C-alpha atoms as a PDB file:
ATOM      1  CA  MET A   1      69.080  72.364 113.204  1.00  0.00           C
ATOM      2  CA  GLY A   2      67.474  68.979 112.933  1.00  0.00           C
ATOM      3  CA  VAL A   3      68.297  68.044 116.514  1.00  0.00           C
ATOM      4  CA  PRO A   4      65.449  66.373 118.400  1.00  0.00           C
ATOM      5  CA  GLN A   5      64.239  67.956 121.636  1.00  0.00           C
ATOM      6  CA  GLU A   6      64.864  64.684 123.476  1.00  0.00           C
ATOM      7  CA  ILE A   7      67.931  62.492 123.090  1.00  0.00           C
ATOM      8  CA  GLU A   8      67.765  58.781 123.713  1.00  0.00           C
ATOM      9  CA  ALA A   9      69.909  57.196 126.407  1.00  0.00           C
ATOM     10  CA  VAL A  10      73.211  55.904 125.104  1.00  0.00           C
ATOM     11  CA  SER A  11      75.896  53.866 126.760  1.00  0.00           C
ATOM     12  CA  ILE A  12      79.332  55.236 127.517  1.00  0.00           C
ATOM     13  CA  ARG A  13      80.711  52.272 125.566  1.00  0.00           C
ATOM     14  CA  GLU A  14      79.002  53.595 122.435  1.00  0.00           C
ATOM     15  CA  LEU A  15      80.580  57.012 122.918  1.00  0.00           C
ATOM     16  CA  ILE A  16      83.999  55.442 123.513  1.00  0.00           C
ATOM     17  CA  ARG A  17      83.576  53.315 120.392  1.00  0.00           C
ATOM     18  CA  ARG A  18      83.127  56.500 118.390  1.00  0.00           C
ATOM     19  CA  SER A  19      86.392  57.943 119.688  1.00  0.00           C
ATOM     20  CA  SER A  20      89.458  57.576 117.477  1.00  0.00           C
ATOM     21  CA  ARG A  21      91.554  56.406 120.445  1.00  0.00           C
ATOM     22  CA  GLN A  22      88.658  54.812 122.312  1.00  0.00           C
ATOM     23  CA  ASN A  23      89.137  57.175 125.216  1.00  0.00           C
ATOM     24  CA  ILE A  24      86.180  58.649 127.139  1.00  0.00           C
ATOM     25  CA  TYR A  25      88.154  61.781 127.991  1.00  0.00           C
ATOM     26  CA  GLU A  26      88.715  62.414 124.290  1.00  0.00           C
ATOM     27  CA  VAL A  27      84.968  62.117 123.731  1.00  0.00           C
ATOM     28  CA  VAL A  28      84.155  64.517 126.576  1.00  0.00           C
ATOM     29  CA  VAL A  29      86.689  67.077 125.328  1.00  0.00           C
ATOM     30  CA  ALA A  30      85.383  66.808 121.742  1.00  0.00           C
ATOM     31  CA  ILE A  31      81.783  67.287 122.895  1.00  0.00           C
ATOM     32  CA  SER A  32      82.806  70.205 125.112  1.00  0.00           C
ATOM     33  CA  GLN A  33      84.703  71.919 122.285  1.00  0.00           C
ATOM     34  CA  ARG A  34      81.852  71.423 119.834  1.00  0.00           C
ATOM     35  CA  SER A  35      79.400  72.706 122.426  1.00  0.00           C
ATOM     36  CA  ALA A  36      81.425  75.923 122.745  1.00  0.00           C
ATOM     37  CA  GLU A  37      81.456  76.286 118.930  1.00  0.00           C
ATOM     38  CA  ILE A  38      77.678  75.800 118.751  1.00  0.00           C
ATOM     39  CA  LEU A  39      77.113  78.352 121.510  1.00  0.00           C
ATOM     40  CA  THR A  40      79.310  80.853 119.656  1.00  0.00           C
ATOM     41  CA  GLU A  41      77.373  80.223 116.420  1.00  0.00           C
ATOM     42  CA  LEU A  42      74.019  80.703 118.185  1.00  0.00           C
ATOM     43  CA  ASN A  43      75.223  83.908 119.852  1.00  0.00           C
ATOM     44  CA  GLN A  44      76.437  85.264 116.496  1.00  0.00           C
ATOM     45  CA  GLU A  45      73.094  84.413 114.907  1.00  0.00           C
ATOM     46  CA  PHE A  46      71.292  86.096 117.809  1.00  0.00           C
ATOM     47  CA  ARG A  47      73.412  89.259 117.456  1.00  0.00           C
ATOM     48  CA  GLN A  48      72.870  89.339 113.682  1.00  0.00           C
ATOM     49  CA  LYS A  49      69.124  89.160 114.201  1.00  0.00           C
ATOM     50  CA  LEU A  50      69.233  92.004 116.722  1.00  0.00           C
ATOM     51  CA  GLU A  51      71.320  94.125 114.343  1.00  0.00           C
ATOM     52  CA  GLU A  52      68.903  93.321 111.531  1.00  0.00           C
ATOM     53  CA  LEU A  53      65.976  94.433 113.672  1.00  0.00           C
ATOM     54  CA  GLU A  54      67.782  97.625 114.740  1.00  0.00           C
ATOM     55  CA  GLY A  55      68.385  98.534 111.098  1.00  0.00           C
ATOM     56  CA  ARG A  56      64.747  98.260 110.041  1.00  0.00           C
ATOM     57  CA  ASP A  57      63.014 101.618 109.819  1.00  0.00           C
ATOM     58  CA  ASP A  58      59.601  99.995 109.588  1.00  0.00           C
ATOM     59  CA  LEU A  59      59.958  98.742 113.170  1.00  0.00           C
ATOM     60  CA  VAL A  60      59.579 102.221 114.644  1.00  0.00           C
ATOM     61  CA  PRO A  61      56.065 101.937 116.036  1.00  0.00           C
ATOM     62  CA  ARG A  62      53.777 104.688 114.868  1.00  0.00           C
ATOM     63  CA  ASP A  63      50.724 103.572 116.785  1.00  0.00           C
ATOM     64  CA  GLU A  64      49.523 101.024 119.351  1.00  0.00           C
ATOM     65  CA  LYS A  65      48.667  98.404 116.696  1.00  0.00           C
ATOM     66  CA  GLN A  66      52.192  98.498 115.229  1.00  0.00           C
ATOM     67  CA  MET A  67      53.658  98.343 118.747  1.00  0.00           C
ATOM     68  CA  ASN A  68      51.648  95.173 119.466  1.00  0.00           C
ATOM     69  CA  LEU A  69      52.725  93.595 116.168  1.00  0.00           C
ATOM     70  CA  LEU A  70      56.358  94.371 116.978  1.00  0.00           C
ATOM     71  CA  ARG A  71      55.984  92.829 120.441  1.00  0.00           C
ATOM     72  CA  GLN A  72      54.449  89.694 118.919  1.00  0.00           C
ATOM     73  CA  GLU A  73      57.259  89.371 116.365  1.00  0.00           C
ATOM     74  CA  LEU A  74      59.927  89.781 119.033  1.00  0.00           C
ATOM     75  CA  SER A  75      58.130  87.352 121.326  1.00  0.00           C
ATOM     76  CA  ARG A  76      57.970  84.645 118.622  1.00  0.00           C
ATOM     77  CA  TRP A  77      61.605  85.190 117.758  1.00  0.00           C
ATOM     78  CA  LEU A  78      62.771  84.966 121.393  1.00  0.00           C
ATOM     79  CA  GLU A  79      60.620  81.894 122.014  1.00  0.00           C
ATOM     80  CA  TYR A  80      62.329  80.166 119.092  1.00  0.00           C
ATOM     81  CA  TYR A  81      65.777  80.707 120.641  1.00  0.00           C
ATOM     82  CA  ARG A  82      64.569  79.619 124.058  1.00  0.00           C
ATOM     83  CA  SER A  83      63.160  76.411 122.591  1.00  0.00           C
ATOM     84  CA  LEU A  84      66.486  75.297 121.113  1.00  0.00           C
ATOM     85  CA  PRO A  85      68.227  72.450 122.953  1.00  0.00           C
ATOM     86  CA  LYS A  86      71.295  73.246 125.033  1.00  0.00           C
ATOM     87  CA  ALA A  87      74.512  73.460 123.015  1.00  0.00           C
ATOM     88  CA  SER A  88      75.946  70.475 124.909  1.00  0.00           C
ATOM     89  CA  LEU A  89      72.976  68.312 123.881  1.00  0.00           C
ATOM     90  CA  ILE A  90      73.349  69.371 120.255  1.00  0.00           C
ATOM     91  CA  ALA A  91      77.064  68.460 120.394  1.00  0.00           C
ATOM     92  CA  LEU A  92      76.236  65.095 121.975  1.00  0.00           C
ATOM     93  CA  TRP A  93      73.593  64.424 119.308  1.00  0.00           C
ATOM     94  CA  GLU A  94      76.098  65.263 116.573  1.00  0.00           C
ATOM     95  CA  LYS A  95      78.653  62.918 118.143  1.00  0.00           C
ATOM     96  CA  LEU A  96      76.104  60.112 118.277  1.00  0.00           C
ATOM     97  CA  HIS A  97      75.062  60.569 114.656  1.00  0.00           C
ATOM     98  CA  GLU A  98      78.431  61.092 112.994  1.00  0.00           C
ATOM     99  CA  PRO A  99      80.116  58.060 111.446  1.00  0.00           C
ATOM    100  CA  PRO A 100      82.319  56.212 113.985  1.00  0.00           C
ATOM    101  CA  ALA A 101      86.055  56.898 113.867  1.00  0.00           C
ATOM    102  CA  SER A 102      88.099  54.244 112.075  1.00  0.00           C
END
């Protein structure tokens, strides 16, 4: 996603400046709406991955070694999703890095 794990402090004035009507409520609503979109996208991606894993015949463990490999793969995959920033922070980051409204 390209979003850093930590977001620098930013003034409310900067956020207002980036609003087309220079209204903080507009900024908050835009960030909230984008956050909901991002969360939906992440959930869809998560479901697709689960469906992909369910459809793989090679994931049926035949022995203890294969079971451990499957657990490791699932663990890495889940850790990736857990490590993503919150959707609201991603939306805020996008707002801060998009060109200001004219």
